[in-house]
């Protein structure tokens, strides 16, 4: 009475599978677009001001500038 042949089952299953895949793909795409981009992790660096000219330089950076009266270590 309600017997379905193999070809009838395929005619029902193929559109359902296609519909399921397309819905899943749309959800994945929406999730990718809705997710905020990752924030790069930046670390703060300690800075020191030059006593002569007031320019800020990294605390570990001890190379002298072009000025004659530069308080940073002069190469010997």
PDB file of N, CA and C in Angstrom:
ATOM      1  N   UNK A   1       0.808  -1.185   0.000  1.00  0.00           N
ATOM      2  CA  UNK A   1       0.000   0.000   0.000  1.00  0.00           C
ATOM      3  C   UNK A   1       0.861   1.262   0.000  1.00  0.00           C
ATOM      4  N   UNK A   2       1.827   1.363   0.959  1.00  0.00           N
ATOM      5  CA  UNK A   2       2.697   2.529   0.992  1.00  0.00           C
ATOM      6  C   UNK A   2       4.114   2.154   0.611  1.00  0.00           C
ATOM      7  N   UNK A   3       4.299   1.186  -0.183  1.00  0.00           N
ATOM      8  CA  UNK A   3       5.635   0.763  -0.576  1.00  0.00           C
ATOM      9  C   UNK A   3       6.290   1.787  -1.493  1.00  0.00           C
ATOM     10  N   UNK A   4       7.504   2.160  -1.153  1.00  0.00           N
ATOM     11  CA  UNK A   4       8.263   3.100  -1.979  1.00  0.00           C
ATOM     12  C   UNK A   4       9.423   2.348  -2.611  1.00  0.00           C
ATOM     13  N   UNK A   5       9.623   2.578  -3.858  1.00  0.00           N
ATOM     14  CA  UNK A   5      10.745   1.941  -4.539  1.00  0.00           C
ATOM     15  C   UNK A   5      12.035   2.707  -4.227  1.00  0.00           C
ATOM     16  N   UNK A   6      13.146   2.109  -4.617  1.00  0.00           N
ATOM     17  CA  UNK A   6      14.452   2.734  -4.382  1.00  0.00           C
ATOM     18  C   UNK A   6      14.555   4.079  -5.094  1.00  0.00           C
ATOM     19  N   UNK A   7      14.059   4.180  -6.310  1.00  0.00           N
ATOM     20  CA  UNK A   7      14.141   5.437  -7.060  1.00  0.00           C
ATOM     21  C   UNK A   7      13.288   6.523  -6.417  1.00  0.00           C
ATOM     22  N   UNK A   8      12.156   6.160  -5.841  1.00  0.00           N
ATOM     23  CA  UNK A   8      11.328   7.146  -5.156  1.00  0.00           C
ATOM     24  C   UNK A   8      12.010   7.651  -3.881  1.00  0.00           C
ATOM     25  N   UNK A   9      12.657   6.753  -3.170  1.00  0.00           N
ATOM     26  CA  UNK A   9      13.410   7.154  -1.984  1.00  0.00           C
ATOM     27  C   UNK A   9      14.537   8.108  -2.356  1.00  0.00           C
ATOM     28  N   UNK A  10      15.237   7.834  -3.463  1.00  0.00           N
ATOM     29  CA  UNK A  10      16.302   8.731  -3.917  1.00  0.00           C
ATOM     30  C   UNK A  10      15.755  10.102  -4.295  1.00  0.00           C
ATOM     31  N   UNK A  11      14.587  10.129  -4.941  1.00  0.00           N
ATOM     32  CA  UNK A  11      13.983  11.402  -5.333  1.00  0.00           C
ATOM     33  C   UNK A  11      13.578  12.235  -4.111  1.00  0.00           C
ATOM     34  N   UNK A  12      13.324  11.593  -3.016  1.00  0.00           N
ATOM     35  CA  UNK A  12      13.014  12.319  -1.783  1.00  0.00           C
ATOM     36  C   UNK A  12      14.298  12.693  -1.041  1.00  0.00           C
ATOM     37  N   UNK A  13      15.251  11.783  -0.984  1.00  0.00           N
ATOM     38  CA  UNK A  13      16.460  11.978  -0.184  1.00  0.00           C
ATOM     39  C   UNK A  13      17.400  13.022  -0.779  1.00  0.00           C
ATOM     40  N   UNK A  14      17.583  13.033  -2.079  1.00  0.00           N
ATOM     41  CA  UNK A  14      18.554  13.951  -2.701  1.00  0.00           C
ATOM     42  C   UNK A  14      18.204  15.416  -2.445  1.00  0.00           C
ATOM     43  N   UNK A  15      16.966  15.864  -2.651  1.00  0.00           N
ATOM     44  CA  UNK A  15      16.673  17.283  -2.328  1.00  0.00           C
ATOM     45  C   UNK A  15      16.815  17.598  -0.839  1.00  0.00           C
ATOM     46  N   UNK A  16      16.452  16.637   0.016  1.00  0.00           N
ATOM     47  CA  UNK A  16      16.601  16.872   1.451  1.00  0.00           C
ATOM     48  C   UNK A  16      18.064  17.014   1.842  1.00  0.00           C
ATOM     49  N   UNK A  17      18.925  16.188   1.296  1.00  0.00           N
ATOM     50  CA  UNK A  17      20.358  16.285   1.577  1.00  0.00           C
ATOM     51  C   UNK A  17      20.920  17.605   1.046  1.00  0.00           C
ATOM     52  N   UNK A  18      20.527  17.987  -0.155  1.00  0.00           N
ATOM     53  CA  UNK A  18      20.970  19.251  -0.740  1.00  0.00           C
ATOM     54  C   UNK A  18      20.523  20.425   0.129  1.00  0.00           C
ATOM     55  N   UNK A  19      19.276  20.405   0.613  1.00  0.00           N
ATOM     56  CA  UNK A  19      18.757  21.463   1.463  1.00  0.00           C
ATOM     57  C   UNK A  19      19.520  21.521   2.781  1.00  0.00           C
ATOM     58  N   UNK A  20      19.799  20.378   3.382  1.00  0.00           N
ATOM     59  CA  UNK A  20      20.525  20.328   4.654  1.00  0.00           C
ATOM     60  C   UNK A  20      21.939  20.890   4.496  1.00  0.00           C
ATOM     61  N   UNK A  21      22.630  20.530   3.411  1.00  0.00           N
ATOM     62  CA  UNK A  21      23.992  21.022   3.176  1.00  0.00           C
ATOM     63  C   UNK A  21      23.991  22.531   2.950  1.00  0.00           C
ATOM     64  N   UNK A  22      23.035  23.038   2.193  1.00  0.00           N
ATOM     65  CA  UNK A  22      23.011  24.483   1.926  1.00  0.00           C
ATOM     66  C   UNK A  22      22.689  25.277   3.189  1.00  0.00           C
ATOM     67  N   UNK A  23      21.808  24.779   4.039  1.00  0.00           N
ATOM     68  CA  UNK A  23      21.508  25.469   5.295  1.00  0.00           C
ATOM     69  C   UNK A  23      22.731  25.452   6.203  1.00  0.00           C
ATOM     70  N   UNK A  24      23.404  24.328   6.275  1.00  0.00           N
ATOM     71  CA  UNK A  24      24.600  24.217   7.112  1.00  0.00           C
ATOM     72  C   UNK A  24      25.692  25.171   6.619  1.00  0.00           C
ATOM     73  N   UNK A  25      25.874  25.268   5.324  1.00  0.00           N
ATOM     74  CA  UNK A  25      26.888  26.151   4.751  1.00  0.00           C
ATOM     75  C   UNK A  25      26.560  27.612   5.048  1.00  0.00           C
ATOM     76  N   UNK A  26      25.285  27.984   4.967  1.00  0.00           N
ATOM     77  CA  UNK A  26      24.878  29.359   5.274  1.00  0.00           C
ATOM     78  C   UNK A  26      25.129  29.697   6.742  1.00  0.00           C
ATOM     79  N   UNK A  27      24.838  28.752   7.644  1.00  0.00           N
ATOM     80  CA  UNK A  27      25.078  28.989   9.073  1.00  0.00           C
ATOM     81  C   UNK A  27      26.557  29.172   9.348  1.00  0.00           C
ATOM     82  N   UNK A  28      27.389  28.346   8.731  1.00  0.00           N
ATOM     83  CA  UNK A  28      28.837  28.468   8.935  1.00  0.00           C
ATOM     84  C   UNK A  28      29.351  29.804   8.430  1.00  0.00           C
ATOM     85  N   UNK A  29      28.839  30.247   7.295  1.00  0.00           N
ATOM     86  CA  UNK A  29      29.280  31.523   6.732  1.00  0.00           C
ATOM     87  C   UNK A  29      28.847  32.684   7.615  1.00  0.00           C
ATOM     88  N   UNK A  30      27.623  32.637   8.148  1.00  0.00           N
ATOM     89  CA  UNK A  30      27.150  33.695   9.040  1.00  0.00           C
ATOM     90  C   UNK A  30      27.967  33.721  10.322  1.00  0.00           C
ATOM     91  N   UNK A  31      28.336  32.563  10.832  1.00  0.00           N
ATOM     92  CA  UNK A  31      29.135  32.506  12.058  1.00  0.00           C
ATOM     93  C   UNK A  31      30.516  33.097  11.827  1.00  0.00           C
ATOM     94  N   UNK A  32      31.103  32.844  10.665  1.00  0.00           N
ATOM     95  CA  UNK A  32      32.421  33.407  10.364  1.00  0.00           C
ATOM     96  C   UNK A  32      32.351  34.920  10.241  1.00  0.00           C
ATOM     97  N   UNK A  33      31.274  35.438   9.638  1.00  0.00           N
ATOM     98  CA  UNK A  33      31.151  36.880   9.456  1.00  0.00           C
ATOM     99  C   UNK A  33      30.808  37.574  10.767  1.00  0.00           C
ATOM    100  N   UNK A  34      30.081  36.918  11.652  1.00  0.00           N
ATOM    101  CA  UNK A  34      29.663  37.533  12.904  1.00  0.00           C
ATOM    102  C   UNK A  34      30.779  37.548  13.938  1.00  0.00           C
ATOM    103  N   UNK A  35      31.732  36.653  13.823  1.00  0.00           N
ATOM    104  CA  UNK A  35      32.810  36.584  14.807  1.00  0.00           C
ATOM    105  C   UNK A  35      33.732  37.797  14.649  1.00  0.00           C
ATOM    106  N   UNK A  36      34.058  38.456  15.760  1.00  0.00           N
ATOM    107  CA  UNK A  36      34.961  39.606  15.661  1.00  0.00           C
ATOM    108  C   UNK A  36      36.371  39.137  15.306  1.00  0.00           C
ATOM    109  N   UNK A  37      37.103  39.961  14.597  1.00  0.00           N
ATOM    110  CA  UNK A  37      38.474  39.565  14.264  1.00  0.00           C
ATOM    111  C   UNK A  37      39.318  39.472  15.523  1.00  0.00           C
ATOM    112  N   UNK A  38      40.280  38.584  15.540  1.00  0.00           N
ATOM    113  CA  UNK A  38      41.109  38.456  16.739  1.00  0.00           C
ATOM    114  C   UNK A  38      41.926  39.723  16.984  1.00  0.00           C
ATOM    115  N   UNK A  39      42.010  40.099  18.239  1.00  0.00           N
ATOM    116  CA  UNK A  39      42.754  41.305  18.625  1.00  0.00           C
ATOM    117  C   UNK A  39      44.213  40.908  18.834  1.00  0.00           C
ATOM    118  N   UNK A  40      45.123  41.558  18.129  1.00  0.00           N
ATOM    119  CA  UNK A  40      46.538  41.216  18.331  1.00  0.00           C
ATOM    120  C   UNK A  40      46.985  41.618  19.728  1.00  0.00           C
ATOM    121  N   UNK A  41      47.761  40.759  20.319  1.00  0.00           N
ATOM    122  CA  UNK A  41      48.248  41.038  21.661  1.00  0.00           C
ATOM    123  C   UNK A  41      49.495  41.917  21.572  1.00  0.00           C
ATOM    124  N   UNK A  42      49.351  43.146  22.043  1.00  0.00           N
ATOM    125  CA  UNK A  42      50.485  44.066  22.048  1.00  0.00           C
ATOM    126  C   UNK A  42      50.888  44.325  23.490  1.00  0.00           C
ATOM    127  N   UNK A  43      52.150  44.404  23.707  1.00  0.00           N
ATOM    128  CA  UNK A  43      52.657  44.661  25.045  1.00  0.00           C
ATOM    129  C   UNK A  43      53.158  46.094  25.112  1.00  0.00           C
ATOM    130  N   UNK A  44      52.910  46.727  26.239  1.00  0.00           N
ATOM    131  CA  UNK A  44      53.392  48.086  26.451  1.00  0.00           C
ATOM    132  C   UNK A  44      54.900  48.049  26.683  1.00  0.00           C
ATOM    133  N   UNK A  45      55.556  49.068  26.213  1.00  0.00           N
ATOM    134  CA  UNK A  45      57.009  49.138  26.346  1.00  0.00           C
ATOM    135  C   UNK A  45      57.361  50.334  27.227  1.00  0.00           C
ATOM    136  N   UNK A  46      58.275  50.133  28.158  1.00  0.00           N
ATOM    137  CA  UNK A  46      58.707  51.226  29.021  1.00  0.00           C
ATOM    138  C   UNK A  46      59.527  52.223  28.215  1.00  0.00           C
ATOM    139  N   UNK A  47      59.200  53.501  28.395  1.00  0.00           N
ATOM    140  CA  UNK A  47      59.886  54.561  27.666  1.00  0.00           C
ATOM    141  C   UNK A  47      60.533  55.513  28.676  1.00  0.00           C
ATOM    142  N   UNK A  48      61.638  56.094  28.270  1.00  0.00           N
ATOM    143  CA  UNK A  48      62.305  57.112  29.082  1.00  0.00           C
ATOM    144  C   UNK A  48      62.502  58.350  28.215  1.00  0.00           C
ATOM    145  N   UNK A  49      62.372  59.497  28.838  1.00  0.00           N
ATOM    146  CA  UNK A  49      62.546  60.758  28.111  1.00  0.00           C
ATOM    147  C   UNK A  49      63.999  61.196  28.189  1.00  0.00           C
ATOM    148  N   UNK A  50      64.515  61.724  27.110  1.00  0.00           N
ATOM    149  CA  UNK A  50      65.865  62.271  27.072  1.00  0.00           C
ATOM    150  C   UNK A  50      65.870  63.559  27.899  1.00  0.00           C
ATOM    151  N   UNK A  51      66.846  63.697  28.765  1.00  0.00           N
ATOM    152  CA  UNK A  51      66.928  64.888  29.623  1.00  0.00           C
ATOM    153  C   UNK A  51      67.281  66.139  28.830  1.00  0.00           C
ATOM    154  N   UNK A  52      67.898  65.970  27.669  1.00  0.00           N
ATOM    155  CA  UNK A  52      68.339  67.120  26.880  1.00  0.00           C
ATOM    156  C   UNK A  52      67.254  67.580  25.912  1.00  0.00           C
ATOM    157  N   UNK A  53      66.781  66.675  25.069  1.00  0.00           N
ATOM    158  CA  UNK A  53      65.838  67.083  24.019  1.00  0.00           C
ATOM    159  C   UNK A  53      64.398  66.670  24.299  1.00  0.00           C
ATOM    160  N   UNK A  54      64.143  65.758  25.266  1.00  0.00           N
ATOM    161  CA  UNK A  54      62.784  65.376  25.627  1.00  0.00           C
ATOM    162  C   UNK A  54      62.176  64.289  24.762  1.00  0.00           C
ATOM    163  N   UNK A  55      62.938  63.733  23.850  1.00  0.00           N
ATOM    164  CA  UNK A  55      62.431  62.668  22.986  1.00  0.00           C
ATOM    165  C   UNK A  55      62.326  61.386  23.798  1.00  0.00           C
ATOM    166  N   UNK A  56      61.186  60.696  23.661  1.00  0.00           N
ATOM    167  CA  UNK A  56      61.005  59.428  24.359  1.00  0.00           C
ATOM    168  C   UNK A  56      61.627  58.297  23.562  1.00  0.00           C
ATOM    169  N   UNK A  57      62.357  57.436  24.285  1.00  0.00           N
ATOM    170  CA  UNK A  57      63.015  56.289  23.661  1.00  0.00           C
ATOM    171  C   UNK A  57      62.731  55.067  24.517  1.00  0.00           C
ATOM    172  N   UNK A  58      62.797  53.863  23.940  1.00  0.00           N
ATOM    173  CA  UNK A  58      62.615  52.658  24.757  1.00  0.00           C
ATOM    174  C   UNK A  58      63.649  52.613  25.876  1.00  0.00           C
ATOM    175  N   UNK A  59      63.245  52.088  27.032  1.00  0.00           N
ATOM    176  CA  UNK A  59      64.127  52.075  28.200  1.00  0.00           C
ATOM    177  C   UNK A  59      65.389  51.255  27.939  1.00  0.00           C
ATOM    178  N   UNK A  60      65.286  50.180  27.162  1.00  0.00           N
ATOM    179  CA  UNK A  60      66.464  49.351  26.897  1.00  0.00           C
ATOM    180  C   UNK A  60      67.354  49.930  25.790  1.00  0.00           C
ATOM    181  N   UNK A  61      66.848  50.891  25.048  1.00  0.00           N
ATOM    182  CA  UNK A  61      67.573  51.468  23.916  1.00  0.00           C
ATOM    183  C   UNK A  61      68.565  52.493  24.444  1.00  0.00           C
ATOM    184  N   UNK A  62      69.836  52.169  24.416  1.00  0.00           N
ATOM    185  CA  UNK A  62      70.851  53.053  24.987  1.00  0.00           C
ATOM    186  C   UNK A  62      71.828  53.588  23.953  1.00  0.00           C
ATOM    187  N   UNK A  63      71.477  53.566  22.692  1.00  0.00           N
ATOM    188  CA  UNK A  63      72.366  54.141  21.681  1.00  0.00           C
ATOM    189  C   UNK A  63      72.236  55.661  21.711  1.00  0.00           C
ATOM    190  N   UNK A  64      73.327  56.370  21.572  1.00  0.00           N
ATOM    191  CA  UNK A  64      73.256  57.831  21.601  1.00  0.00           C
ATOM    192  C   UNK A  64      72.631  58.376  20.316  1.00  0.00           C
ATOM    193  N   UNK A  65      72.051  59.552  20.424  1.00  0.00           N
ATOM    194  CA  UNK A  65      71.502  60.203  19.234  1.00  0.00           C
ATOM    195  C   UNK A  65      72.590  61.051  18.576  1.00  0.00           C
ATOM    196  N   UNK A  66      72.209  61.911  17.667  1.00  0.00           N
ATOM    197  CA  UNK A  66      73.190  62.709  16.918  1.00  0.00           C
ATOM    198  C   UNK A  66      73.698  63.913  17.705  1.00  0.00           C
ATOM    199  N   UNK A  67      73.065  64.248  18.806  1.00  0.00           N
ATOM    200  CA  UNK A  67      73.457  65.442  19.572  1.00  0.00           C
ATOM    201  C   UNK A  67      74.752  65.191  20.328  1.00  0.00           C
ATOM    202  N   UNK A  68      75.532  66.247  20.490  1.00  0.00           N
ATOM    203  CA  UNK A  68      76.799  66.158  21.218  1.00  0.00           C
ATOM    204  C   UNK A  68      76.580  65.959  22.711  1.00  0.00           C
ATOM    205  N   UNK A  69      75.523  66.555  23.236  1.00  0.00           N
ATOM    206  CA  UNK A  69      75.273  66.477  24.675  1.00  0.00           C
ATOM    207  C   UNK A  69      74.262  65.385  25.035  1.00  0.00           C
ATOM    208  N   UNK A  70      74.213  64.331  24.257  1.00  0.00           N
ATOM    209  CA  UNK A  70      73.283  63.221  24.489  1.00  0.00           C
ATOM    210  C   UNK A  70      73.643  62.511  25.800  1.00  0.00           C
ATOM    211  N   UNK A  71      72.658  62.361  26.731  1.00  0.00           N
ATOM    212  CA  UNK A  71      72.975  61.735  28.016  1.00  0.00           C
ATOM    213  C   UNK A  71      73.093  60.212  27.936  1.00  0.00           C
ATOM    214  N   UNK A  72      72.715  59.613  26.820  1.00  0.00           N
ATOM    215  CA  UNK A  72      72.824  58.174  26.714  1.00  0.00           C
ATOM    216  C   UNK A  72      74.291  57.776  26.528  1.00  0.00           C
ATOM    217  N   UNK A  73      74.575  56.562  26.843  1.00  0.00           N
ATOM    218  CA  UNK A  73      75.967  56.098  26.823  1.00  0.00           C
ATOM    219  C   UNK A  73      76.605  56.287  25.447  1.00  0.00           C
ATOM    220  N   UNK A  74      77.745  56.885  25.437  1.00  0.00           N
ATOM    221  CA  UNK A  74      78.510  57.053  24.195  1.00  0.00           C
ATOM    222  C   UNK A  74      79.351  55.812  23.954  1.00  0.00           C
ATOM    223  N   UNK A  75      79.455  55.376  22.702  1.00  0.00           N
ATOM    224  CA  UNK A  75      80.317  54.223  22.442  1.00  0.00           C
ATOM    225  C   UNK A  75      81.771  54.600  22.694  1.00  0.00           C
ATOM    226  N   UNK A  76      82.499  53.723  23.314  1.00  0.00           N
ATOM    227  CA  UNK A  76      83.859  54.048  23.720  1.00  0.00           C
ATOM    228  C   UNK A  76      84.905  53.598  22.834  1.00  0.00           C
TER     229      UNK A  76
END
